[in-house]
């Protein structure tokens, strides 16, 4: 499958099963995520794999959006030590973490699994429940699982702006 085919096949899967995911698939997903480029290769992010039933129960206290999965990844960034653009002071920690998150999301699709980028979660609650996350800006939760039999893309999934509308040639 080409990259364009993969990118088009990926959709926000909101119906997942809690079936066990093979460890080798999880490892490949994480390898793809950490292969993501970051500004000056500083890598100011952390990925937390929420795998145990106990950890998953804690996650559910911070978001209702786990969609039936039994595995999730939380991605956070740390501004301290990240590349800062000298001209305007723009810190790239969140940008870098978002690139990592996108790699992870596409790797999930490549493994035949489903996920969606969840931004609706109580970050302070997650940090309270998982002290390991203190000091990080939490940017995304990715519930991961095999798509349920009746899972399907949202009706607007294929709605995209035309290139001529999205791109300005200079």
N, C-alpha and C. Protein backbone atom coordinates (compact mmCIF):
# COMPACT_ATOMS: atom_id res chain seq x y z
N UNK A 1 0.86 -1.18 0.00
CA UNK A 1 0.00 0.00 0.00
C UNK A 1 0.90 1.23 0.00
N UNK A 2 0.58 2.18 -0.85
CA UNK A 2 1.35 3.42 -0.90
C UNK A 2 1.01 4.29 0.31
N UNK A 3 1.83 5.29 0.54
CA UNK A 3 1.55 6.20 1.66
C UNK A 3 0.22 6.90 1.46
N UNK A 4 -0.07 7.33 0.24
CA UNK A 4 -1.34 8.01 -0.02
C UNK A 4 -2.51 7.08 0.25
N UNK A 5 -2.40 5.84 -0.15
CA UNK A 5 -3.46 4.86 0.12
C UNK A 5 -3.65 4.66 1.63
N UNK A 6 -2.53 4.56 2.35
CA UNK A 6 -2.60 4.41 3.81
C UNK A 6 -3.27 5.63 4.45
N UNK A 7 -2.85 6.82 4.02
CA UNK A 7 -3.41 8.05 4.59
C UNK A 7 -4.91 8.15 4.32
N UNK A 8 -5.34 7.73 3.15
CA UNK A 8 -6.76 7.78 2.82
C UNK A 8 -7.55 6.68 3.53
N UNK A 9 -6.93 5.54 3.76
CA UNK A 9 -7.62 4.42 4.41
C UNK A 9 -7.84 4.68 5.91
N UNK A 10 -6.95 5.45 6.52
CA UNK A 10 -7.07 5.74 7.95
C UNK A 10 -8.32 6.57 8.19
N UNK A 11 -9.04 6.20 9.22
CA UNK A 11 -10.19 6.99 9.64
C UNK A 11 -10.29 6.94 11.16
N UNK A 12 -11.07 7.85 11.71
CA UNK A 12 -11.26 7.89 13.16
C UNK A 12 -12.20 6.76 13.55
N UNK A 13 -11.61 5.65 13.97
CA UNK A 13 -12.38 4.46 14.32
C UNK A 13 -12.87 4.59 15.76
N UNK A 14 -14.17 4.64 15.91
CA UNK A 14 -14.79 4.84 17.22
C UNK A 14 -15.53 3.61 17.73
N UNK A 15 -15.25 2.46 17.13
CA UNK A 15 -15.80 1.18 17.58
C UNK A 15 -14.69 0.16 17.50
N UNK A 16 -14.12 -0.15 18.66
CA UNK A 16 -12.99 -1.06 18.73
C UNK A 16 -13.35 -2.26 19.58
N UNK A 17 -12.60 -3.33 19.40
CA UNK A 17 -12.77 -4.49 20.29
C UNK A 17 -11.66 -4.45 21.34
N UNK A 18 -11.86 -5.20 22.39
CA UNK A 18 -10.84 -5.28 23.43
C UNK A 18 -9.96 -6.52 23.27
N UNK A 19 -9.99 -7.11 22.07
CA UNK A 19 -9.15 -8.28 21.80
C UNK A 19 -7.68 -7.92 21.98
N UNK A 20 -6.93 -8.88 22.48
CA UNK A 20 -5.50 -8.67 22.70
C UNK A 20 -4.81 -8.35 21.37
N UNK A 21 -3.87 -7.43 21.45
CA UNK A 21 -3.08 -7.05 20.27
C UNK A 21 -1.70 -7.68 20.41
N UNK A 22 -1.26 -8.26 19.34
CA UNK A 22 0.01 -8.96 19.34
C UNK A 22 1.15 -8.02 19.72
N UNK A 23 2.03 -8.47 20.62
CA UNK A 23 3.15 -7.61 21.06
C UNK A 23 4.01 -7.09 19.91
N UNK A 24 4.19 -7.89 18.86
CA UNK A 24 5.01 -7.44 17.74
C UNK A 24 4.35 -6.28 16.99
N UNK A 25 3.02 -6.24 16.96
CA UNK A 25 2.34 -5.10 16.35
C UNK A 25 2.54 -3.85 17.19
N UNK A 26 2.41 -4.00 18.50
CA UNK A 26 2.63 -2.85 19.39
C UNK A 26 4.05 -2.33 19.23
N UNK A 27 5.02 -3.25 19.15
CA UNK A 27 6.41 -2.83 19.00
C UNK A 27 6.63 -2.08 17.69
N UNK A 28 6.03 -2.56 16.60
CA UNK A 28 6.19 -1.87 15.31
C UNK A 28 5.54 -0.49 15.34
N UNK A 29 4.40 -0.37 16.00
CA UNK A 29 3.73 0.93 16.13
C UNK A 29 4.64 1.90 16.88
N UNK A 30 5.21 1.44 17.98
CA UNK A 30 6.08 2.31 18.77
C UNK A 30 7.37 2.65 18.04
N UNK A 31 7.91 1.71 17.28
CA UNK A 31 9.10 2.00 16.48
C UNK A 31 8.80 3.07 15.43
N UNK A 32 7.63 2.99 14.82
CA UNK A 32 7.24 4.01 13.83
C UNK A 32 7.08 5.37 14.51
N UNK A 33 6.51 5.38 15.70
CA UNK A 33 6.31 6.64 16.42
C UNK A 33 7.64 7.29 16.76
N UNK A 34 8.57 6.51 17.27
CA UNK A 34 9.83 7.12 17.68
C UNK A 34 10.74 7.42 16.49
N UNK A 35 10.37 6.93 15.30
CA UNK A 35 11.12 7.28 14.09
C UNK A 35 10.73 8.67 13.58
N UNK A 36 9.73 9.28 14.18
CA UNK A 36 9.25 10.59 13.73
C UNK A 36 10.33 11.65 13.88
N UNK A 37 10.37 12.57 12.93
CA UNK A 37 11.34 13.67 13.05
C UNK A 37 10.89 14.68 14.10
N UNK A 38 11.85 15.26 14.78
CA UNK A 38 11.58 16.35 15.72
C UNK A 38 12.59 17.46 15.47
N UNK A 39 12.22 18.67 15.83
CA UNK A 39 13.09 19.82 15.60
C UNK A 39 14.44 19.61 16.28
N UNK A 40 15.50 19.70 15.48
CA UNK A 40 16.88 19.49 15.95
C UNK A 40 17.07 18.12 16.60
N UNK A 41 16.15 17.20 16.34
CA UNK A 41 16.18 15.84 16.88
C UNK A 41 16.26 15.81 18.40
N UNK A 42 15.64 16.79 19.05
CA UNK A 42 15.66 16.88 20.51
C UNK A 42 14.74 15.84 21.15
N UNK A 43 13.64 15.48 20.48
CA UNK A 43 12.71 14.45 20.92
C UNK A 43 12.09 14.77 22.29
N UNK A 44 11.42 15.91 22.41
CA UNK A 44 10.87 16.33 23.71
C UNK A 44 9.48 15.75 24.00
N UNK A 45 9.34 14.45 23.86
CA UNK A 45 8.03 13.83 24.04
C UNK A 45 8.16 12.56 24.87
N UNK A 46 7.02 12.08 25.29
CA UNK A 46 6.95 10.79 26.00
C UNK A 46 5.68 10.10 25.51
N UNK A 47 5.74 8.79 25.40
CA UNK A 47 4.57 7.97 25.07
C UNK A 47 4.34 7.04 26.25
N UNK A 48 3.13 7.05 26.75
CA UNK A 48 2.75 6.12 27.82
C UNK A 48 1.80 5.09 27.23
N UNK A 49 2.15 3.81 27.37
CA UNK A 49 1.30 2.72 26.89
C UNK A 49 0.42 2.28 28.05
N UNK A 50 -0.87 2.48 27.90
CA UNK A 50 -1.84 2.10 28.92
C UNK A 50 -2.32 0.69 28.57
N UNK A 51 -1.77 -0.31 29.26
CA UNK A 51 -2.01 -1.70 28.89
C UNK A 51 -2.72 -2.51 29.96
N UNK A 52 -2.39 -2.30 31.22
CA UNK A 52 -2.98 -3.14 32.27
C UNK A 52 -4.43 -2.72 32.54
N UNK A 53 -5.21 -3.64 33.05
CA UNK A 53 -6.61 -3.34 33.39
C UNK A 53 -6.67 -2.21 34.42
N UNK A 54 -5.74 -2.21 35.37
CA UNK A 54 -5.71 -1.17 36.41
C UNK A 54 -5.43 0.21 35.79
N UNK A 55 -4.45 0.27 34.91
CA UNK A 55 -4.12 1.54 34.27
C UNK A 55 -5.27 2.00 33.37
N UNK A 56 -5.90 1.05 32.68
CA UNK A 56 -7.01 1.41 31.80
C UNK A 56 -8.20 1.95 32.59
N UNK A 57 -8.44 1.38 33.77
CA UNK A 57 -9.52 1.89 34.63
C UNK A 57 -9.23 3.33 35.05
N UNK A 58 -7.97 3.65 35.29
CA UNK A 58 -7.60 5.02 35.63
C UNK A 58 -7.84 5.94 34.43
N UNK A 59 -7.43 5.49 33.25
CA UNK A 59 -7.62 6.29 32.04
C UNK A 59 -9.10 6.64 31.86
N UNK A 60 -9.97 5.67 32.12
CA UNK A 60 -11.41 5.88 31.95
C UNK A 60 -11.96 6.91 32.94
N UNK A 61 -11.21 7.22 33.99
CA UNK A 61 -11.63 8.28 34.91
C UNK A 61 -11.37 9.66 34.30
N UNK A 62 -10.53 9.71 33.29
CA UNK A 62 -10.16 10.99 32.68
C UNK A 62 -10.79 11.21 31.30
N UNK A 63 -11.32 10.15 30.70
CA UNK A 63 -12.00 10.29 29.41
C UNK A 63 -12.99 9.14 29.23
N UNK A 64 -14.10 9.46 28.61
CA UNK A 64 -15.08 8.43 28.25
C UNK A 64 -14.79 7.86 26.87
N UNK A 65 -13.80 8.41 26.18
CA UNK A 65 -13.58 8.08 24.79
C UNK A 65 -12.49 7.03 24.60
N UNK A 66 -12.79 5.82 25.03
CA UNK A 66 -11.88 4.70 24.81
C UNK A 66 -12.45 3.72 23.79
N UNK A 67 -13.71 3.87 23.45
CA UNK A 67 -14.35 3.18 22.33
C UNK A 67 -14.24 1.66 22.36
N UNK A 68 -14.20 1.08 23.55
CA UNK A 68 -14.19 -0.37 23.68
C UNK A 68 -12.81 -1.00 23.67
N UNK A 69 -11.77 -0.22 23.52
CA UNK A 69 -10.41 -0.77 23.43
C UNK A 69 -9.90 -1.17 24.82
N UNK A 70 -8.82 -1.93 24.82
CA UNK A 70 -8.15 -2.30 26.07
C UNK A 70 -6.69 -1.86 26.05
N UNK A 71 -6.33 -1.08 25.06
CA UNK A 71 -4.98 -0.53 24.93
C UNK A 71 -5.12 0.93 24.52
N UNK A 72 -4.29 1.77 25.09
CA UNK A 72 -4.27 3.17 24.66
C UNK A 72 -2.87 3.71 24.82
N UNK A 73 -2.58 4.72 24.02
CA UNK A 73 -1.33 5.45 24.14
C UNK A 73 -1.66 6.90 24.47
N UNK A 74 -0.91 7.45 25.40
CA UNK A 74 -1.01 8.87 25.73
C UNK A 74 0.30 9.50 25.29
N UNK A 75 0.21 10.64 24.62
CA UNK A 75 1.42 11.31 24.16
C UNK A 75 1.48 12.69 24.78
N UNK A 76 2.66 13.00 25.31
CA UNK A 76 2.87 14.30 25.92
C UNK A 76 4.17 14.92 25.45
N UNK A 77 4.26 16.22 25.63
CA UNK A 77 5.47 16.95 25.25
C UNK A 77 6.02 17.69 26.46
N UNK A 78 7.31 17.95 26.40
CA UNK A 78 7.97 18.69 27.48
C UNK A 78 8.67 19.90 26.85
N UNK A 79 8.17 21.09 27.21
CA UNK A 79 8.71 22.32 26.64
C UNK A 79 10.17 22.53 27.01
N UNK A 80 10.52 22.14 28.22
CA UNK A 80 11.89 22.32 28.69
C UNK A 80 12.85 21.49 27.83
N UNK A 81 13.81 22.15 27.23
CA UNK A 81 14.80 21.46 26.41
C UNK A 81 14.42 21.32 24.95
N UNK A 82 13.16 21.65 24.60
CA UNK A 82 12.74 21.55 23.20
C UNK A 82 13.37 22.68 22.39
N UNK A 83 13.42 22.50 21.09
CA UNK A 83 13.91 23.55 20.21
C UNK A 83 13.00 24.76 20.29
N UNK A 84 13.61 25.93 20.41
CA UNK A 84 12.88 27.19 20.41
C UNK A 84 13.41 28.02 19.24
N UNK A 85 12.50 28.41 18.36
CA UNK A 85 12.90 29.23 17.21
C UNK A 85 13.37 30.58 17.72
N UNK A 86 14.59 30.98 17.38
CA UNK A 86 15.16 32.20 17.96
C UNK A 86 14.50 33.51 17.50
N UNK A 87 13.83 33.49 16.38
CA UNK A 87 13.27 34.73 15.83
C UNK A 87 12.03 35.21 16.58
N UNK A 88 11.24 34.25 17.09
CA UNK A 88 9.99 34.64 17.74
C UNK A 88 9.70 33.86 19.03
N UNK A 89 10.62 33.00 19.44
CA UNK A 89 10.44 32.27 20.70
C UNK A 89 9.48 31.09 20.62
N UNK A 90 9.08 30.67 19.41
CA UNK A 90 8.16 29.55 19.25
C UNK A 90 8.82 28.26 19.73
N UNK A 91 8.20 27.62 20.74
CA UNK A 91 8.67 26.35 21.28
C UNK A 91 8.02 25.22 20.47
N UNK A 92 8.84 24.27 20.01
CA UNK A 92 8.35 23.22 19.11
C UNK A 92 7.97 21.92 19.82
N UNK A 93 7.90 21.89 21.13
CA UNK A 93 7.59 20.66 21.84
C UNK A 93 6.26 20.05 21.39
N UNK A 94 5.20 20.84 21.36
CA UNK A 94 3.90 20.31 20.94
C UNK A 94 3.88 19.91 19.48
N UNK A 95 4.59 20.66 18.64
CA UNK A 95 4.68 20.31 17.22
C UNK A 95 5.35 18.95 17.09
N UNK A 96 6.46 18.77 17.78
CA UNK A 96 7.19 17.51 17.72
C UNK A 96 6.33 16.34 18.21
N UNK A 97 5.63 16.54 19.32
CA UNK A 97 4.76 15.48 19.85
C UNK A 97 3.63 15.17 18.88
N UNK A 98 3.11 16.19 18.20
CA UNK A 98 2.05 15.97 17.22
C UNK A 98 2.56 15.16 16.02
N UNK A 99 3.80 15.36 15.64
CA UNK A 99 4.39 14.57 14.55
C UNK A 99 4.52 13.12 14.99
N UNK A 100 4.99 12.90 16.21
CA UNK A 100 5.09 11.56 16.77
C UNK A 100 3.71 10.91 16.81
N UNK A 101 2.72 11.67 17.27
CA UNK A 101 1.36 11.16 17.35
C UNK A 101 0.82 10.76 15.99
N UNK A 102 1.13 11.54 14.98
CA UNK A 102 0.66 11.23 13.63
C UNK A 102 1.32 9.96 13.11
N UNK A 103 2.62 9.80 13.36
CA UNK A 103 3.29 8.56 12.98
C UNK A 103 2.62 7.37 13.67
N UNK A 104 2.36 7.51 14.96
CA UNK A 104 1.73 6.43 15.72
C UNK A 104 0.36 6.09 15.11
N UNK A 105 -0.44 7.11 14.85
CA UNK A 105 -1.78 6.92 14.32
C UNK A 105 -1.75 6.19 12.97
N UNK A 106 -0.84 6.58 12.10
CA UNK A 106 -0.74 5.93 10.80
C UNK A 106 -0.17 4.51 10.92
N UNK A 107 0.73 4.29 11.85
CA UNK A 107 1.27 2.94 12.08
C UNK A 107 0.18 2.00 12.59
N UNK A 108 -0.72 2.52 13.41
CA UNK A 108 -1.85 1.71 13.89
C UNK A 108 -2.66 1.23 12.68
N UNK A 109 -2.96 2.14 11.76
CA UNK A 109 -3.70 1.77 10.54
C UNK A 109 -2.93 0.74 9.74
N UNK A 110 -1.63 0.93 9.60
CA UNK A 110 -0.80 0.02 8.82
C UNK A 110 -0.81 -1.39 9.40
N UNK A 111 -1.03 -1.52 10.70
CA UNK A 111 -1.08 -2.83 11.36
C UNK A 111 -2.46 -3.47 11.31
N UNK A 112 -3.41 -2.82 10.63
CA UNK A 112 -4.76 -3.39 10.54
C UNK A 112 -5.60 -3.13 11.77
N UNK A 113 -5.18 -2.16 12.57
CA UNK A 113 -5.89 -1.79 13.79
C UNK A 113 -6.60 -0.46 13.58
N UNK A 114 -7.36 -0.05 14.58
CA UNK A 114 -8.06 1.21 14.50
C UNK A 114 -7.75 2.09 15.69
N UNK A 115 -7.93 3.39 15.50
CA UNK A 115 -7.76 4.36 16.57
C UNK A 115 -8.41 5.66 16.15
N UNK A 116 -8.44 6.58 17.06
CA UNK A 116 -8.81 7.95 16.76
C UNK A 116 -8.03 8.85 17.70
N UNK A 117 -7.77 10.05 17.26
CA UNK A 117 -7.03 11.04 18.05
C UNK A 117 -8.02 11.63 19.03
N UNK A 118 -7.87 11.32 20.30
CA UNK A 118 -8.77 11.85 21.32
C UNK A 118 -8.10 13.05 21.99
N UNK A 119 -8.76 14.18 21.89
CA UNK A 119 -8.29 15.39 22.56
C UNK A 119 -9.17 15.75 23.73
N UNK A 120 -10.31 15.07 23.86
CA UNK A 120 -11.27 15.36 24.92
C UNK A 120 -10.97 14.46 26.12
N UNK A 121 -10.08 14.94 26.98
CA UNK A 121 -9.73 14.22 28.20
C UNK A 121 -9.32 15.23 29.25
N UNK A 122 -9.40 14.81 30.49
CA UNK A 122 -9.06 15.67 31.63
C UNK A 122 -7.57 15.50 31.93
N UNK A 123 -6.76 16.36 31.35
CA UNK A 123 -5.30 16.25 31.51
C UNK A 123 -4.87 16.38 32.97
N UNK A 124 -5.40 17.33 33.74
CA UNK A 124 -5.00 17.38 35.15
C UNK A 124 -5.33 16.09 35.90
N UNK A 125 -6.46 15.48 35.58
CA UNK A 125 -6.84 14.21 36.23
C UNK A 125 -5.88 13.10 35.84
N UNK A 126 -5.50 13.04 34.55
CA UNK A 126 -4.54 12.03 34.12
C UNK A 126 -3.22 12.18 34.87
N UNK A 127 -2.77 13.41 35.03
CA UNK A 127 -1.50 13.66 35.73
C UNK A 127 -1.62 13.29 37.21
N UNK A 128 -2.80 13.47 37.77
CA UNK A 128 -3.04 13.07 39.17
C UNK A 128 -3.00 11.55 39.29
N UNK A 129 -3.63 10.86 38.35
CA UNK A 129 -3.71 9.41 38.38
C UNK A 129 -2.41 8.73 37.97
N UNK A 130 -1.66 9.39 37.10
CA UNK A 130 -0.39 8.87 36.60
C UNK A 130 0.69 9.91 36.88
N UNK A 131 1.29 9.89 38.05
CA UNK A 131 2.32 10.89 38.39
C UNK A 131 3.48 10.93 37.40
N UNK A 132 3.68 9.84 36.65
CA UNK A 132 4.74 9.80 35.64
C UNK A 132 4.52 10.87 34.56
N UNK A 133 3.29 11.33 34.43
CA UNK A 133 2.96 12.30 33.38
C UNK A 133 3.15 13.75 33.83
N UNK A 134 3.46 13.94 35.11
CA UNK A 134 3.70 15.29 35.61
C UNK A 134 4.83 15.94 34.83
N UNK A 135 4.70 17.22 34.56
CA UNK A 135 5.74 17.95 33.85
C UNK A 135 5.61 17.89 32.34
N UNK A 136 4.61 17.16 31.85
CA UNK A 136 4.37 17.06 30.41
C UNK A 136 3.05 17.73 30.05
N UNK A 137 3.01 18.29 28.86
CA UNK A 137 1.77 18.80 28.29
C UNK A 137 1.16 17.61 27.54
N UNK A 138 0.03 17.13 27.99
CA UNK A 138 -0.59 15.96 27.37
C UNK A 138 -1.39 16.41 26.16
N UNK A 139 -1.05 15.86 25.00
CA UNK A 139 -1.67 16.35 23.77
C UNK A 139 -2.68 15.39 23.15
N UNK A 140 -2.56 14.09 23.43
CA UNK A 140 -3.47 13.16 22.77
C UNK A 140 -3.55 11.84 23.51
N UNK A 141 -4.71 11.21 23.37
CA UNK A 141 -4.93 9.83 23.81
C UNK A 141 -5.36 9.06 22.57
N UNK A 142 -4.75 7.90 22.37
CA UNK A 142 -5.10 7.05 21.24
C UNK A 142 -5.56 5.69 21.74
N UNK A 143 -6.88 5.46 21.83
CA UNK A 143 -7.35 4.10 22.12
C UNK A 143 -7.07 3.24 20.89
N UNK A 144 -6.57 2.04 21.09
CA UNK A 144 -6.16 1.20 19.96
C UNK A 144 -6.80 -0.18 20.11
N UNK A 145 -7.30 -0.68 19.01
CA UNK A 145 -7.86 -2.03 18.99
C UNK A 145 -8.20 -2.46 17.59
N UNK A 146 -8.67 -3.68 17.48
CA UNK A 146 -9.18 -4.14 16.20
C UNK A 146 -10.53 -3.47 15.99
N UNK A 147 -10.77 -2.95 14.78
CA UNK A 147 -12.07 -2.34 14.53
C UNK A 147 -13.19 -3.36 14.72
N UNK A 148 -14.28 -2.95 15.34
CA UNK A 148 -15.45 -3.81 15.48
C UNK A 148 -16.01 -4.10 14.08
N UNK A 149 -16.77 -5.17 13.95
CA UNK A 149 -17.30 -5.56 12.64
C UNK A 149 -18.12 -4.45 12.00
N UNK A 150 -18.83 -3.68 12.82
CA UNK A 150 -19.68 -2.63 12.27
C UNK A 150 -19.02 -1.24 12.31
N UNK A 151 -17.72 -1.20 12.56
CA UNK A 151 -17.02 0.09 12.56
C UNK A 151 -16.95 0.63 11.14
N UNK A 152 -17.12 1.92 11.00
CA UNK A 152 -17.05 2.54 9.68
C UNK A 152 -16.67 4.01 9.84
N UNK A 153 -16.13 4.59 8.79
CA UNK A 153 -15.78 6.01 8.85
C UNK A 153 -17.02 6.89 9.02
N UNK A 154 -16.81 8.05 9.59
CA UNK A 154 -17.87 9.05 9.71
C UNK A 154 -18.34 9.42 8.31
N UNK A 155 -19.57 9.84 8.18
CA UNK A 155 -20.12 10.18 6.85
C UNK A 155 -19.33 11.30 6.17
N UNK A 156 -18.68 12.15 6.94
CA UNK A 156 -17.90 13.25 6.35
C UNK A 156 -16.42 12.90 6.19
N UNK A 157 -16.06 11.66 6.43
CA UNK A 157 -14.65 11.27 6.40
C UNK A 157 -13.93 11.67 5.11
N UNK A 158 -14.57 11.49 3.99
CA UNK A 158 -13.90 11.76 2.72
C UNK A 158 -14.04 13.21 2.26
N UNK A 159 -14.72 14.03 3.03
CA UNK A 159 -14.84 15.44 2.67
C UNK A 159 -13.48 16.12 2.89
N UNK A 160 -12.92 16.61 1.83
CA UNK A 160 -11.63 17.30 1.89
C UNK A 160 -11.69 18.55 1.02
N UNK A 161 -10.96 19.54 1.44
CA UNK A 161 -10.85 20.75 0.61
C UNK A 161 -10.07 20.41 -0.66
N UNK A 162 -10.39 21.12 -1.70
CA UNK A 162 -9.65 20.96 -2.96
C UNK A 162 -8.24 21.51 -2.77
N UNK A 163 -7.29 20.95 -3.50
CA UNK A 163 -5.92 21.44 -3.43
C UNK A 163 -5.90 22.93 -3.73
N UNK A 164 -6.67 23.37 -4.71
CA UNK A 164 -6.69 24.78 -5.09
C UNK A 164 -7.21 25.67 -3.96
N UNK A 165 -8.00 25.11 -3.08
CA UNK A 165 -8.52 25.87 -1.94
C UNK A 165 -7.55 25.87 -0.76
N UNK A 166 -6.80 24.79 -0.62
CA UNK A 166 -5.92 24.61 0.54
C UNK A 166 -4.50 25.12 0.32
N UNK A 167 -4.09 25.19 -0.93
CA UNK A 167 -2.70 25.52 -1.23
C UNK A 167 -2.63 26.84 -1.98
N UNK A 168 -1.70 27.67 -1.56
CA UNK A 168 -1.46 28.95 -2.24
C UNK A 168 -0.09 28.88 -2.88
N UNK A 169 -0.06 29.01 -4.18
CA UNK A 169 1.23 29.02 -4.89
C UNK A 169 1.76 30.44 -4.88
N UNK A 170 3.02 30.59 -4.55
CA UNK A 170 3.66 31.90 -4.49
C UNK A 170 4.74 32.00 -5.54
